[in-house]
Amino acid sequence: MTRLHMFLLLAVVALSVLALIDCLRTDRSRVRSFPRAAWAVIILLVPISGPVVWFLGGRAASAPLLAVNALRPIGPDDDPEFLRMLAEQLRRR
């Protein structure tokens, strides 16, 4: 039983440390609802639900990777400029 309590204590401490680091490193423009200092106090004083609330609602979601990757070609065959250049090289031969 003591091992389980130690494991749970370590899990709560790890969650709190990760949330606190994430809170302090998040840009001010992405922090929602409260100032960053208030979030840090909430994370430290409310052991389990403080970090969970921070991860779920304290910071604005970042742009999804698909939206970022959709702006640029993934491979050469997806790039229209590369395909145009390749077609011109083939015509010259």
N, C-alpha and C. Protein backbone atom coordinates (compact mmCIF):
# COMPACT_ATOMS: atom_id res chain seq x y z
N MET A 1 0.82 -1.19 0.00
CA MET A 1 0.00 0.00 0.00
C MET A 1 0.87 1.26 0.00
N THR A 2 1.99 1.20 0.68
CA THR A 2 2.89 2.34 0.74
C THR A 2 3.47 2.65 -0.64
N ARG A 3 3.75 1.63 -1.41
CA ARG A 3 4.28 1.84 -2.77
C ARG A 3 3.26 2.55 -3.65
N LEU A 4 2.01 2.17 -3.49
CA LEU A 4 0.96 2.82 -4.27
C LEU A 4 0.86 4.29 -3.89
N HIS A 5 0.94 4.60 -2.63
CA HIS A 5 0.87 6.00 -2.18
C HIS A 5 2.07 6.79 -2.70
N MET A 6 3.23 6.18 -2.67
CA MET A 6 4.43 6.86 -3.18
C MET A 6 4.31 7.10 -4.69
N PHE A 7 3.79 6.11 -5.40
CA PHE A 7 3.60 6.27 -6.84
C PHE A 7 2.61 7.38 -7.13
N LEU A 8 1.50 7.42 -6.41
CA LEU A 8 0.50 8.48 -6.62
C LEU A 8 1.07 9.85 -6.27
N LEU A 9 1.84 9.92 -5.20
CA LEU A 9 2.46 11.18 -4.82
C LEU A 9 3.43 11.65 -5.91
N LEU A 10 4.23 10.75 -6.43
CA LEU A 10 5.16 11.10 -7.50
C LEU A 10 4.42 11.54 -8.77
N ALA A 11 3.31 10.87 -9.06
CA ALA A 11 2.52 11.23 -10.24
C ALA A 11 1.93 12.63 -10.08
N VAL A 12 1.43 12.96 -8.91
CA VAL A 12 0.86 14.28 -8.67
C VAL A 12 1.95 15.35 -8.74
N VAL A 13 3.10 15.07 -8.16
CA VAL A 13 4.21 16.03 -8.20
C VAL A 13 4.68 16.23 -9.64
N ALA A 14 4.81 15.15 -10.39
CA ALA A 14 5.25 15.25 -11.79
C ALA A 14 4.24 16.05 -12.62
N LEU A 15 2.96 15.79 -12.43
CA LEU A 15 1.93 16.52 -13.15
C LEU A 15 1.99 18.01 -12.81
N SER A 16 2.17 18.31 -11.54
CA SER A 16 2.24 19.71 -11.11
C SER A 16 3.47 20.40 -11.67
N VAL A 17 4.60 19.73 -11.66
CA VAL A 17 5.84 20.32 -12.18
C VAL A 17 5.71 20.56 -13.69
N LEU A 18 5.17 19.58 -14.42
CA LEU A 18 5.00 19.76 -15.87
C LEU A 18 4.06 20.91 -16.18
N ALA A 19 2.96 21.00 -15.44
CA ALA A 19 2.00 22.08 -15.67
C ALA A 19 2.62 23.43 -15.33
N LEU A 20 3.38 23.50 -14.24
CA LEU A 20 4.00 24.76 -13.85
C LEU A 20 5.03 25.20 -14.89
N ILE A 21 5.84 24.28 -15.36
CA ILE A 21 6.83 24.62 -16.39
C ILE A 21 6.13 25.07 -17.67
N ASP A 22 5.08 24.36 -18.07
CA ASP A 22 4.35 24.73 -19.26
C ASP A 22 3.70 26.10 -19.09
N CYS A 23 3.15 26.36 -17.93
CA CYS A 23 2.52 27.65 -17.65
C CYS A 23 3.53 28.79 -17.74
N LEU A 24 4.69 28.60 -17.16
CA LEU A 24 5.69 29.66 -17.15
C LEU A 24 6.34 29.88 -18.52
N ARG A 25 6.35 28.85 -19.36
CA ARG A 25 6.96 28.97 -20.68
C ARG A 25 5.98 29.40 -21.76
N THR A 26 4.68 29.36 -21.47
CA THR A 26 3.67 29.72 -22.46
C THR A 26 3.67 31.23 -22.67
N ASP A 27 3.57 31.64 -23.91
CA ASP A 27 3.54 33.05 -24.25
C ASP A 27 2.31 33.71 -23.63
N ARG A 28 2.45 34.95 -23.21
CA ARG A 28 1.34 35.66 -22.54
C ARG A 28 0.10 35.73 -23.42
N SER A 29 0.27 35.83 -24.70
CA SER A 29 -0.88 35.96 -25.61
C SER A 29 -1.69 34.66 -25.69
N ARG A 30 -1.11 33.54 -25.28
CA ARG A 30 -1.81 32.26 -25.35
C ARG A 30 -2.44 31.85 -24.02
N VAL A 31 -2.22 32.61 -22.94
CA VAL A 31 -2.78 32.29 -21.63
C VAL A 31 -4.20 32.83 -21.57
N ARG A 32 -5.16 31.97 -21.16
CA ARG A 32 -6.56 32.37 -21.11
C ARG A 32 -7.05 32.46 -19.67
N SER A 33 -8.10 33.22 -19.46
CA SER A 33 -8.88 33.34 -18.24
C SER A 33 -8.19 34.13 -17.12
N PHE A 34 -6.98 33.79 -16.73
CA PHE A 34 -6.29 34.45 -15.63
C PHE A 34 -4.88 34.83 -16.09
N PRO A 35 -4.24 35.74 -15.35
CA PRO A 35 -2.82 36.01 -15.65
C PRO A 35 -1.96 34.78 -15.34
N ARG A 36 -0.79 34.77 -15.90
CA ARG A 36 0.10 33.62 -15.73
C ARG A 36 0.45 33.37 -14.27
N ALA A 37 0.65 34.43 -13.48
CA ALA A 37 0.98 34.26 -12.06
C ALA A 37 -0.17 33.60 -11.30
N ALA A 38 -1.39 33.97 -11.64
CA ALA A 38 -2.55 33.35 -10.98
C ALA A 38 -2.63 31.87 -11.33
N TRP A 39 -2.34 31.53 -12.59
CA TRP A 39 -2.33 30.12 -12.98
C TRP A 39 -1.27 29.35 -12.22
N ALA A 40 -0.11 29.95 -12.02
CA ALA A 40 0.96 29.28 -11.29
C ALA A 40 0.53 29.00 -9.85
N VAL A 41 -0.14 29.96 -9.23
CA VAL A 41 -0.63 29.76 -7.87
C VAL A 41 -1.69 28.67 -7.83
N ILE A 42 -2.59 28.67 -8.79
CA ILE A 42 -3.63 27.63 -8.85
C ILE A 42 -3.00 26.26 -9.02
N ILE A 43 -2.01 26.15 -9.89
CA ILE A 43 -1.34 24.87 -10.13
C ILE A 43 -0.67 24.36 -8.86
N LEU A 44 -0.06 25.26 -8.12
CA LEU A 44 0.66 24.85 -6.91
C LEU A 44 -0.26 24.57 -5.73
N LEU A 45 -1.36 25.32 -5.59
CA LEU A 45 -2.22 25.17 -4.42
C LEU A 45 -3.31 24.11 -4.58
N VAL A 46 -3.69 23.80 -5.79
CA VAL A 46 -4.73 22.79 -6.03
C VAL A 46 -4.06 21.61 -6.73
N PRO A 47 -3.64 20.60 -5.96
CA PRO A 47 -2.73 19.58 -6.47
C PRO A 47 -3.14 18.84 -7.74
N ILE A 48 -4.31 18.30 -7.84
CA ILE A 48 -4.62 17.48 -9.02
C ILE A 48 -5.41 18.28 -10.04
N SER A 49 -6.47 18.94 -9.61
CA SER A 49 -7.32 19.63 -10.57
C SER A 49 -6.69 20.91 -11.10
N GLY A 50 -5.76 21.53 -10.39
CA GLY A 50 -5.09 22.73 -10.89
C GLY A 50 -4.34 22.47 -12.18
N PRO A 51 -3.43 21.49 -12.20
CA PRO A 51 -2.73 21.19 -13.46
C PRO A 51 -3.67 20.70 -14.57
N VAL A 52 -4.68 19.92 -14.21
CA VAL A 52 -5.60 19.41 -15.23
C VAL A 52 -6.37 20.57 -15.86
N VAL A 53 -6.84 21.50 -15.03
CA VAL A 53 -7.57 22.65 -15.56
C VAL A 53 -6.65 23.52 -16.42
N TRP A 54 -5.38 23.64 -16.02
CA TRP A 54 -4.44 24.39 -16.84
C TRP A 54 -4.29 23.77 -18.23
N PHE A 55 -4.09 22.45 -18.27
CA PHE A 55 -3.89 21.80 -19.57
C PHE A 55 -5.15 21.83 -20.42
N LEU A 56 -6.33 21.77 -19.79
CA LEU A 56 -7.57 21.74 -20.56
C LEU A 56 -8.08 23.12 -20.96
N GLY A 57 -7.88 24.13 -20.11
CA GLY A 57 -8.48 25.41 -20.44
C GLY A 57 -7.65 26.64 -20.20
N GLY A 58 -6.46 26.50 -19.67
CA GLY A 58 -5.67 27.67 -19.33
C GLY A 58 -4.88 28.26 -20.47
N ARG A 59 -4.63 27.47 -21.47
CA ARG A 59 -3.84 27.97 -22.60
C ARG A 59 -4.60 27.75 -23.89
N ALA A 60 -4.39 28.65 -24.82
CA ALA A 60 -5.04 28.53 -26.12
C ALA A 60 -4.38 27.39 -26.89
N ALA A 61 -5.17 26.70 -27.65
CA ALA A 61 -4.66 25.58 -28.43
C ALA A 61 -3.74 26.09 -29.53
N SER A 62 -2.69 25.35 -29.79
CA SER A 62 -1.78 25.73 -30.87
C SER A 62 -2.38 25.29 -32.20
N ALA A 63 -1.84 25.82 -33.26
CA ALA A 63 -2.32 25.47 -34.60
C ALA A 63 -2.03 24.00 -34.89
N PRO A 64 -3.01 23.29 -35.41
CA PRO A 64 -2.76 21.88 -35.73
C PRO A 64 -1.68 21.73 -36.80
N LEU A 65 -0.96 20.63 -36.71
CA LEU A 65 0.13 20.41 -37.65
C LEU A 65 -0.35 20.28 -39.08
N LEU A 66 -1.54 19.73 -39.28
CA LEU A 66 -2.04 19.58 -40.64
C LEU A 66 -2.29 20.93 -41.28
N ALA A 67 -2.77 21.90 -40.51
CA ALA A 67 -3.01 23.22 -41.07
C ALA A 67 -1.70 23.89 -41.45
N VAL A 68 -0.67 23.70 -40.66
CA VAL A 68 0.63 24.29 -40.97
C VAL A 68 1.23 23.60 -42.18
N ASN A 69 1.15 22.28 -42.24
CA ASN A 69 1.73 21.54 -43.36
C ASN A 69 0.95 21.74 -44.64
N ALA A 70 -0.31 22.12 -44.55
CA ALA A 70 -1.10 22.33 -45.76
C ALA A 70 -0.63 23.56 -46.52
N LEU A 71 0.09 24.46 -45.85
CA LEU A 71 0.55 25.68 -46.49
C LEU A 71 1.76 25.45 -47.38
N ARG A 72 2.48 24.39 -47.16
CA ARG A 72 3.67 24.15 -47.96
C ARG A 72 3.67 22.72 -48.48
N PRO A 73 4.33 22.49 -49.62
CA PRO A 73 4.37 21.14 -50.17
C PRO A 73 5.11 20.19 -49.24
N ILE A 74 4.66 18.96 -49.21
CA ILE A 74 5.29 17.95 -48.37
C ILE A 74 6.44 17.29 -49.11
N GLY A 75 6.26 17.01 -50.35
CA GLY A 75 7.30 16.37 -51.15
C GLY A 75 7.43 17.06 -52.49
N PRO A 76 8.45 16.73 -53.27
CA PRO A 76 8.65 17.41 -54.56
C PRO A 76 7.49 17.18 -55.52
N ASP A 77 6.85 16.02 -55.45
CA ASP A 77 5.75 15.76 -56.37
C ASP A 77 4.48 16.51 -55.98
N ASP A 78 4.46 17.15 -54.81
CA ASP A 78 3.32 17.96 -54.39
C ASP A 78 3.53 19.44 -54.73
N ASP A 79 4.73 19.79 -55.15
CA ASP A 79 5.07 21.18 -55.42
C ASP A 79 4.83 21.48 -56.89
N PRO A 80 3.85 22.33 -57.22
CA PRO A 80 3.56 22.62 -58.63
C PRO A 80 4.74 23.29 -59.34
N GLU A 81 5.51 24.12 -58.63
CA GLU A 81 6.66 24.77 -59.25
C GLU A 81 7.72 23.74 -59.65
N PHE A 82 7.96 22.75 -58.80
CA PHE A 82 8.93 21.70 -59.12
C PHE A 82 8.46 20.89 -60.32
N LEU A 83 7.18 20.56 -60.36
CA LEU A 83 6.64 19.78 -61.49
C LEU A 83 6.74 20.58 -62.80
N ARG A 84 6.50 21.88 -62.73
CA ARG A 84 6.61 22.72 -63.92
C ARG A 84 8.06 22.75 -64.40
N MET A 85 9.00 22.90 -63.49
CA MET A 85 10.41 22.92 -63.85
C MET A 85 10.83 21.57 -64.46
N LEU A 86 10.36 20.48 -63.88
CA LEU A 86 10.68 19.16 -64.40
C LEU A 86 10.12 18.96 -65.80
N ALA A 87 8.90 19.43 -66.05
CA ALA A 87 8.30 19.31 -67.38
C ALA A 87 9.09 20.12 -68.40
N GLU A 88 9.57 21.30 -68.02
CA GLU A 88 10.37 22.11 -68.93
C GLU A 88 11.69 21.42 -69.27
N GLN A 89 12.31 20.80 -68.29
CA GLN A 89 13.58 20.09 -68.53
C GLN A 89 13.36 18.92 -69.46
N LEU A 90 12.25 18.22 -69.34
CA LEU A 90 11.96 17.09 -70.21
C LEU A 90 11.68 17.55 -71.65
N ARG A 91 11.05 18.71 -71.80
CA ARG A 91 10.76 19.23 -73.13
C ARG A 91 12.04 19.64 -73.85
N ARG A 92 13.04 20.13 -73.12
CA ARG A 92 14.30 20.57 -73.74
C ARG A 92 15.10 19.43 -74.30
N ARG A 93 14.93 18.26 -73.81
CA ARG A 93 15.73 17.11 -74.26
C ARG A 93 15.36 16.64 -75.61
